[in-house]
Amino acid sequence: MDAARALFAELGFERATIRAVAKAAEVDPALVMQYFGSKQELFQQAVRVTPISDGELTAEELVEQLLGTLNVKMGELPQSSLAMMRSMLTHPEAAASAREVLSRQIDRLAEAIPREDARVRAALMTTIMLGVTVGHQLLELEELRGVSQDEIARLLRPSLRALTGDAED
């Protein structure tokens, strides 16, 4: 699985092959196929991401939890996340997997937002954080790479708080 994550992260779905994964894992390609059945299934298993923690969250805690993920989003991302991000715009299975993961995150965020339009607000919060990750990790924008995580959190905090609806009370 580590070899698959590393190759999907580096090459994306289209360019990574079962043969290359097997070679990196020092196993026979037939063994990879025996365990996963297809490249798509291997990819699905490789890009599984841990969801946001369970439990009741206030809007403030929600924002701080999202901002707390900046150390991961701007540090060394898990190979599974990089693999999904590199592939989600070019491969239908990767896009479906990304939508599934993001939808679960949106569901979780929406539960903590006491508004009629909670799902839209949660989707906006999710895409803001995704945009920061893509800009930093894949596009390597100097404007994001040259700023501390604390500064980015400071700048994002008001907009994320506004999306929770706290500013409207």
Protein backbone atom coordinates (compact mmCIF):
# COMPACT_ATOMS: atom_id res chain seq x y z
CA MET A 1 0.00 0.00 0.00
CA ASP A 2 2.88 2.38 0.78
CA ALA A 3 4.35 1.79 -2.67
CA ALA A 4 0.96 2.42 -4.31
CA ARG A 5 0.40 5.63 -2.34
CA ALA A 6 3.86 6.91 -3.22
CA LEU A 7 3.45 6.18 -6.94
CA PHE A 8 -0.09 7.54 -7.19
CA ALA A 9 1.06 10.66 -5.33
CA GLU A 10 4.05 11.14 -7.60
CA LEU A 11 2.54 10.13 -10.95
CA GLY A 12 -1.24 10.31 -10.54
CA PHE A 13 -3.66 7.56 -11.49
CA GLU A 14 -3.10 7.59 -15.25
CA ARG A 15 0.68 7.19 -15.18
CA ALA A 16 1.04 4.81 -12.24
CA THR A 17 0.90 1.14 -13.22
CA ILE A 18 0.32 -2.11 -11.36
CA ARG A 19 3.70 -3.29 -12.62
CA ALA A 20 5.44 -0.17 -11.21
CA VAL A 21 3.65 -0.55 -7.86
CA ALA A 22 4.67 -4.20 -7.67
CA LYS A 23 8.27 -3.35 -8.54
CA ALA A 24 8.40 -0.62 -5.86
CA ALA A 25 6.91 -3.05 -3.32
CA GLU A 26 9.29 -5.80 -4.48
CA VAL A 27 6.46 -8.23 -5.22
CA ASP A 28 5.05 -9.90 -8.30
CA PRO A 29 2.37 -7.89 -10.17
CA ALA A 30 0.09 -10.95 -9.94
CA LEU A 31 0.15 -10.62 -6.14
CA VAL A 32 -1.04 -7.00 -6.37
CA MET A 33 -3.86 -8.10 -8.68
CA GLN A 34 -4.73 -11.00 -6.37
CA TYR A 35 -5.20 -8.64 -3.41
CA PHE A 36 -6.80 -5.69 -5.21
CA GLY A 37 -8.27 -7.07 -8.42
CA SER A 38 -7.74 -3.91 -10.44
CA LYS A 39 -5.83 -0.68 -10.59
CA GLN A 40 -9.04 1.19 -9.68
CA GLU A 41 -9.53 -0.84 -6.50
CA LEU A 42 -5.87 -0.39 -5.54
CA PHE A 43 -6.29 3.35 -6.04
CA GLN A 44 -9.52 3.41 -3.96
CA GLN A 45 -7.74 1.66 -1.09
CA ALA A 46 -4.65 3.87 -1.39
CA VAL A 47 -6.51 7.19 -1.22
CA ARG A 48 -8.74 6.47 1.76
CA VAL A 49 -8.48 9.41 4.14
CA THR A 50 -9.32 9.66 7.83
CA PRO A 51 -12.44 11.81 8.30
CA ILE A 52 -12.77 14.78 10.63
CA SER A 53 -13.00 13.64 14.26
CA ASP A 54 -16.41 12.76 15.62
CA GLY A 55 -18.14 14.52 18.47
CA GLU A 56 -20.17 17.64 19.01
CA LEU A 57 -18.32 20.77 17.92
CA THR A 58 -19.20 24.40 18.43
CA ALA A 59 -18.74 26.70 15.45
CA GLU A 60 -15.59 28.10 17.06
CA GLU A 61 -14.17 24.62 17.67
CA LEU A 62 -15.02 23.68 14.10
CA VAL A 63 -13.04 26.62 12.70
CA GLU A 64 -10.10 25.91 14.98
CA GLN A 65 -10.13 22.23 14.02
CA LEU A 66 -10.06 23.17 10.33
CA LEU A 67 -7.25 25.64 10.91
CA GLY A 68 -5.44 23.00 12.94
CA THR A 69 -5.20 20.89 9.79
CA LEU A 70 -3.01 23.53 8.14
CA ASN A 71 0.08 21.90 9.63
CA VAL A 72 -0.80 18.80 7.59
CA LYS A 73 -2.02 20.66 4.50
CA MET A 74 1.12 22.79 4.37
CA GLY A 75 3.51 20.18 5.69
CA GLU A 76 4.10 16.74 4.31
CA LEU A 77 0.74 15.46 3.13
CA PRO A 78 -0.05 11.78 3.42
CA GLN A 79 0.72 10.00 0.16
CA SER A 80 -2.95 9.04 -0.10
CA SER A 81 -4.01 12.69 -0.14
CA LEU A 82 -1.43 13.66 -2.74
CA ALA A 83 -2.45 10.72 -4.90
CA MET A 84 -6.09 11.75 -4.80
CA MET A 85 -5.35 15.41 -5.49
CA ARG A 86 -3.09 14.65 -8.45
CA SER A 87 -5.65 12.34 -10.00
CA MET A 88 -9.06 13.80 -9.13
CA LEU A 89 -9.24 16.19 -12.08
CA THR A 90 -8.16 13.71 -14.73
CA HIS A 91 -9.59 10.35 -13.73
CA PRO A 92 -13.29 9.58 -13.15
CA GLU A 93 -12.68 7.03 -10.37
CA ALA A 94 -10.38 9.44 -8.57
CA ALA A 95 -12.95 12.22 -8.94
CA ALA A 96 -15.66 9.95 -7.52
CA SER A 97 -13.44 8.99 -4.62
CA ALA A 98 -12.59 12.65 -3.92
CA ARG A 99 -16.29 13.60 -4.02
CA GLU A 100 -17.08 10.80 -1.58
CA VAL A 101 -14.37 11.89 0.87
CA LEU A 102 -15.26 15.57 0.55
CA SER A 103 -18.97 14.82 0.88
CA ARG A 104 -18.37 13.04 4.19
CA GLN A 105 -16.35 16.03 5.38
CA ILE A 106 -19.11 18.40 4.27
CA ASP A 107 -21.67 16.26 6.14
CA ARG A 108 -19.56 16.42 9.30
CA LEU A 109 -19.00 20.17 9.04
CA ALA A 110 -22.66 20.86 8.27
CA GLU A 111 -23.71 19.12 11.50
CA ALA A 112 -21.92 21.82 13.48
CA ILE A 113 -23.35 24.78 11.54
CA PRO A 114 -26.77 25.84 12.86
CA ARG A 115 -28.07 27.34 9.60
CA GLU A 116 -30.55 26.32 6.89
CA ASP A 117 -27.80 26.51 4.29
CA ALA A 118 -25.31 24.56 6.41
CA ARG A 119 -24.30 22.20 3.59
CA VAL A 120 -23.43 25.09 1.25
CA ARG A 121 -21.45 26.76 4.02
CA ALA A 122 -19.66 23.50 4.80
CA ALA A 123 -18.89 22.98 1.11
CA LEU A 124 -17.39 26.47 0.90
CA MET A 125 -15.25 25.84 3.99
CA THR A 126 -14.08 22.53 2.54
CA THR A 127 -13.16 24.04 -0.82
CA ILE A 128 -11.31 26.92 0.80
CA MET A 129 -9.11 24.44 2.67
CA LEU A 130 -8.74 22.30 -0.46
CA GLY A 131 -7.68 25.39 -2.40
CA VAL A 132 -5.03 26.25 0.17
CA THR A 133 -3.73 22.69 -0.03
CA VAL A 134 -3.63 22.62 -3.85
CA GLY A 135 -2.00 26.06 -3.99
CA HIS A 136 0.66 25.08 -1.49
CA GLN A 137 1.31 21.44 -2.36
CA LEU A 138 0.68 21.05 -6.07
CA LEU A 139 1.08 24.53 -7.51
CA GLU A 140 3.79 25.48 -5.00
CA LEU A 141 2.66 29.11 -4.93
CA GLU A 142 5.44 31.17 -3.39
CA GLU A 143 2.84 33.47 -1.83
CA LEU A 144 1.62 30.53 0.26
CA ARG A 145 4.96 28.80 0.75
CA GLY A 146 6.60 31.97 2.04
CA VAL A 147 4.03 32.55 4.81
CA SER A 148 3.80 30.82 8.17
CA GLN A 149 0.91 28.52 9.00
CA ASP A 150 -0.01 30.87 11.86
CA GLU A 151 -0.30 33.80 9.46
CA ILE A 152 -2.44 31.84 7.02
CA ALA A 153 -4.66 30.70 9.91
CA ARG A 154 -4.96 34.31 11.11
CA LEU A 155 -6.06 35.45 7.65
CA LEU A 156 -8.50 32.55 7.10
CA ARG A 157 -10.11 32.62 10.57
CA PRO A 158 -12.56 35.53 9.93
CA SER A 159 -13.86 34.08 6.66
CA LEU A 160 -14.28 30.59 8.12
CA ARG A 161 -16.04 32.02 11.17
CA ALA A 162 -18.35 34.01 8.91
CA LEU A 163 -19.22 30.82 7.03
CA THR A 164 -20.25 29.08 10.26
CA GLY A 165 -22.84 31.81 10.72
CA ASP A 166 -21.35 33.15 13.96
CA ALA A 167 -20.93 36.61 12.47
CA GLU A 168 -24.64 36.77 11.63
CA ASP A 169 -25.89 36.35 15.20
